[in-house]
Amino acid sequence: MLGAVGALPPVFTEIEVNYFLLRRLLGVKTDDAKLSKVQKLAKGEILMINIGSTSTGGRIVAVKGDLAKIALTVPACTEVEEKIALSRRIDKHWRYVLRPAAGDDALGSGDGRQR
């Protein structure tokens, strides 16, 4: 990350996100309706996280209800209210499967803030 000292947003190594699972996979056509359903998140699962214009990987540390704590593989410099997208690897392709919860259309607070 490059910028003037004190002018950059905080750097996060871990984020918390309220999410909503999509009911079906986008862009996937299957004969079996069961195969196109989106499975629940699991601890240890790897996701692709797009935060603003930054793409990074993330491992799910904890899941409780519709709240997920994700450890980022590469720290992200961002604001707390930044737009995000979460994707899961399915059949060798990254598929958009999660969206932030309604009314919570942005990045949640992160505990692993670096400064």
C-alpha atoms as a PDB file:
ATOM      1  CA  MET A   1       0.000   0.000   0.000  1.00  0.00           C
ATOM      2  CA  LEU A   2       1.398   3.307  -1.013  1.00  0.00           C
ATOM      3  CA  GLY A   3       0.200   6.710   0.141  1.00  0.00           C
ATOM      4  CA  ALA A   4       0.975   9.726   2.261  1.00  0.00           C
ATOM      5  CA  VAL A   5       1.550   8.986   5.950  1.00  0.00           C
ATOM      6  CA  GLY A   6      -1.719   9.346   7.852  1.00  0.00           C
ATOM      7  CA  ALA A   7      -3.787   9.737   4.658  1.00  0.00           C
ATOM      8  CA  LEU A   8      -4.610   6.067   4.065  1.00  0.00           C
ATOM      9  CA  PRO A   9      -7.580   4.225   5.590  1.00  0.00           C
ATOM     10  CA  PRO A  10      -6.843   1.534   8.205  1.00  0.00           C
ATOM     11  CA  VAL A  11      -5.420  -1.839   7.156  1.00  0.00           C
ATOM     12  CA  PHE A  12      -7.438  -4.955   8.005  1.00  0.00           C
ATOM     13  CA  THR A  13      -6.156  -8.509   8.340  1.00  0.00           C
ATOM     14  CA  GLU A  14      -9.498  -9.857   9.602  1.00  0.00           C
ATOM     15  CA  ILE A  15     -13.066  -8.745   8.870  1.00  0.00           C
ATOM     16  CA  GLU A  16     -16.556  -9.520  10.161  1.00  0.00           C
ATOM     17  CA  VAL A  17     -19.396  -9.573   7.657  1.00  0.00           C
ATOM     18  CA  ASN A  18     -23.153  -9.965   8.056  1.00  0.00           C
ATOM     19  CA  TYR A  19     -24.126 -11.932   4.973  1.00  0.00           C
ATOM     20  CA  PHE A  20     -27.037 -13.468   3.115  1.00  0.00           C
ATOM     21  CA  LEU A  21     -26.583 -16.679   1.085  1.00  0.00           C
ATOM     22  CA  LEU A  22     -28.058 -16.610  -2.394  1.00  0.00           C
ATOM     23  CA  ARG A  23     -30.594 -19.391  -2.961  1.00  0.00           C
ATOM     24  CA  ARG A  24     -29.137 -20.608  -6.247  1.00  0.00           C
ATOM     25  CA  LEU A  25     -25.808 -20.334  -8.038  1.00  0.00           C
ATOM     26  CA  LEU A  26     -25.587 -17.547 -10.593  1.00  0.00           C
ATOM     27  CA  GLY A  27     -24.514 -18.501 -14.112  1.00  0.00           C
ATOM     28  CA  VAL A  28     -24.705 -22.266 -13.520  1.00  0.00           C
ATOM     29  CA  LYS A  29     -27.213 -24.445 -15.355  1.00  0.00           C
ATOM     30  CA  THR A  30     -27.808 -27.932 -13.943  1.00  0.00           C
ATOM     31  CA  ASP A  31     -30.457 -30.576 -14.477  1.00  0.00           C
ATOM     32  CA  ASP A  32     -30.534 -31.327 -10.744  1.00  0.00           C
ATOM     33  CA  ALA A  33     -31.904 -28.465  -8.609  1.00  0.00           C
ATOM     34  CA  LYS A  34     -29.965 -29.787  -5.583  1.00  0.00           C
ATOM     35  CA  LEU A  35     -26.615 -29.170  -7.289  1.00  0.00           C
ATOM     36  CA  SER A  36     -27.406 -25.521  -7.981  1.00  0.00           C
ATOM     37  CA  LYS A  37     -28.347 -24.702  -4.358  1.00  0.00           C
ATOM     38  CA  VAL A  38     -25.816 -22.725  -2.350  1.00  0.00           C
ATOM     39  CA  GLN A  39     -24.436 -24.598   0.667  1.00  0.00           C
ATOM     40  CA  LYS A  40     -23.936 -22.957   4.074  1.00  0.00           C
ATOM     41  CA  LEU A  41     -20.552 -21.505   4.992  1.00  0.00           C
ATOM     42  CA  ALA A  42     -18.120 -23.759   6.824  1.00  0.00           C
ATOM     43  CA  LYS A  43     -15.247 -22.922   9.152  1.00  0.00           C
ATOM     44  CA  GLY A  44     -11.939 -23.145   7.269  1.00  0.00           C
ATOM     45  CA  GLU A  45     -13.507 -22.551   3.846  1.00  0.00           C
ATOM     46  CA  ILE A  46     -11.628 -20.342   1.376  1.00  0.00           C
ATOM     47  CA  LEU A  47     -13.453 -17.429  -0.274  1.00  0.00           C
ATOM     48  CA  MET A  48     -12.531 -14.691  -2.736  1.00  0.00           C
ATOM     49  CA  ILE A  49     -13.245 -11.280  -1.231  1.00  0.00           C
ATOM     50  CA  ASN A  50     -13.574  -8.188  -3.411  1.00  0.00           C
ATOM     51  CA  ILE A  51     -13.354  -5.033  -1.309  1.00  0.00           C
ATOM     52  CA  GLY A  52     -13.815  -1.959  -3.467  1.00  0.00           C
ATOM     53  CA  SER A  53     -11.313  -2.566  -6.292  1.00  0.00           C
ATOM     54  CA  THR A  54      -9.127  -4.944  -4.229  1.00  0.00           C
ATOM     55  CA  SER A  55      -9.320  -8.727  -4.578  1.00  0.00           C
ATOM     56  CA  THR A  56      -7.929 -10.997  -1.881  1.00  0.00           C
ATOM     57  CA  GLY A  57      -8.467 -14.455  -0.528  1.00  0.00           C
ATOM     58  CA  GLY A  58      -9.874 -15.201   2.886  1.00  0.00           C
ATOM     59  CA  ARG A  59     -10.339 -18.155   5.220  1.00  0.00           C
ATOM     60  CA  ILE A  60     -13.477 -18.360   7.367  1.00  0.00           C
ATOM     61  CA  VAL A  61     -12.421 -18.327  11.016  1.00  0.00           C
ATOM     62  CA  ALA A  62     -15.891 -18.485  12.574  1.00  0.00           C
ATOM     63  CA  VAL A  63     -19.546 -18.561  11.513  1.00  0.00           C
ATOM     64  CA  LYS A  64     -22.447 -17.742  13.810  1.00  0.00           C
ATOM     65  CA  GLY A  65     -25.881 -17.284  12.276  1.00  0.00           C
ATOM     66  CA  ASP A  66     -25.469 -14.736   9.476  1.00  0.00           C
ATOM     67  CA  LEU A  67     -22.174 -13.326  10.815  1.00  0.00           C
ATOM     68  CA  ALA A  68     -18.845 -14.576   9.446  1.00  0.00           C
ATOM     69  CA  LYS A  69     -15.359 -13.704  10.655  1.00  0.00           C
ATOM     70  CA  ILE A  70     -12.839 -13.937   7.808  1.00  0.00           C
ATOM     71  CA  ALA A  71      -9.025 -13.828   8.018  1.00  0.00           C
ATOM     72  CA  LEU A  72      -7.654 -12.181   4.872  1.00  0.00           C
ATOM     73  CA  THR A  73      -4.677 -13.791   3.110  1.00  0.00           C
ATOM     74  CA  VAL A  74      -3.403 -10.353   2.079  1.00  0.00           C
ATOM     75  CA  PRO A  75      -4.197  -7.321   4.287  1.00  0.00           C
ATOM     76  CA  ALA A  76      -6.636  -4.833   2.763  1.00  0.00           C
ATOM     77  CA  CYS A  77      -6.495  -1.062   3.160  1.00  0.00           C
ATOM     78  CA  THR A  78     -10.134   0.047   3.258  1.00  0.00           C
ATOM     79  CA  GLU A  79     -12.855   1.940   5.068  1.00  0.00           C
ATOM     80  CA  VAL A  80     -15.436   0.206   7.288  1.00  0.00           C
ATOM     81  CA  GLU A  81     -18.378   1.071   4.985  1.00  0.00           C
ATOM     82  CA  GLU A  82     -16.712  -0.145   1.763  1.00  0.00           C
ATOM     83  CA  LYS A  83     -18.711  -2.271  -0.704  1.00  0.00           C
ATOM     84  CA  ILE A  84     -17.774  -5.954  -0.806  1.00  0.00           C
ATOM     85  CA  ALA A  85     -18.525  -9.141  -2.737  1.00  0.00           C
ATOM     86  CA  LEU A  86     -17.869 -12.708  -1.591  1.00  0.00           C
ATOM     87  CA  SER A  87     -17.306 -15.616  -4.004  1.00  0.00           C
ATOM     88  CA  ARG A  88     -16.827 -19.356  -3.567  1.00  0.00           C
ATOM     89  CA  ARG A  89     -14.795 -21.702  -5.793  1.00  0.00           C
ATOM     90  CA  ILE A  90     -17.201 -24.068  -7.568  1.00  0.00           C
ATOM     91  CA  ASP A  91     -16.126 -26.335 -10.456  1.00  0.00           C
ATOM     92  CA  LYS A  92     -12.860 -24.420 -11.043  1.00  0.00           C
ATOM     93  CA  HIS A  93     -14.666 -21.059 -11.250  1.00  0.00           C
ATOM     94  CA  TRP A  94     -15.263 -18.332  -8.688  1.00  0.00           C
ATOM     95  CA  ARG A  95     -19.030 -17.943  -8.239  1.00  0.00           C
ATOM     96  CA  TYR A  96     -20.732 -15.074  -6.468  1.00  0.00           C
ATOM     97  CA  VAL A  97     -22.694 -16.813  -3.689  1.00  0.00           C
ATOM     98  CA  LEU A  98     -22.948 -14.385  -0.783  1.00  0.00           C
ATOM     99  CA  ARG A  99     -24.072 -10.836  -0.459  1.00  0.00           C
ATOM    100  CA  PRO A 100     -24.027  -8.519   2.528  1.00  0.00           C
ATOM    101  CA  ALA A 101     -27.212  -8.711   4.611  1.00  0.00           C
ATOM    102  CA  ALA A 102     -30.074  -6.367   3.688  1.00  0.00           C
ATOM    103  CA  GLY A 103     -29.540  -2.870   5.039  1.00  0.00           C
ATOM    104  CA  ASP A 104     -25.916  -3.790   5.789  1.00  0.00           C
ATOM    105  CA  ASP A 105     -24.494  -3.370   2.310  1.00  0.00           C
ATOM    106  CA  ALA A 106     -20.882  -2.916   3.383  1.00  0.00           C
ATOM    107  CA  LEU A 107     -17.871  -4.214   5.246  1.00  0.00           C
ATOM    108  CA  GLY A 108     -18.400  -4.891   8.934  1.00  0.00           C
ATOM    109  CA  SER A 109     -15.984  -4.101  11.719  1.00  0.00           C
ATOM    110  CA  GLY A 110     -12.722  -5.992  11.812  1.00  0.00           C
ATOM    111  CA  ASP A 111     -10.921  -7.061  14.961  1.00  0.00           C
ATOM    112  CA  GLY A 112      -7.525  -7.587  13.346  1.00  0.00           C
ATOM    113  CA  ARG A 113      -6.835  -3.983  12.460  1.00  0.00           C
ATOM    114  CA  GLN A 114      -3.160  -3.125  11.858  1.00  0.00           C
ATOM    115  CA  ARG A 115      -1.771   0.362  12.097  1.00  0.00           C
END
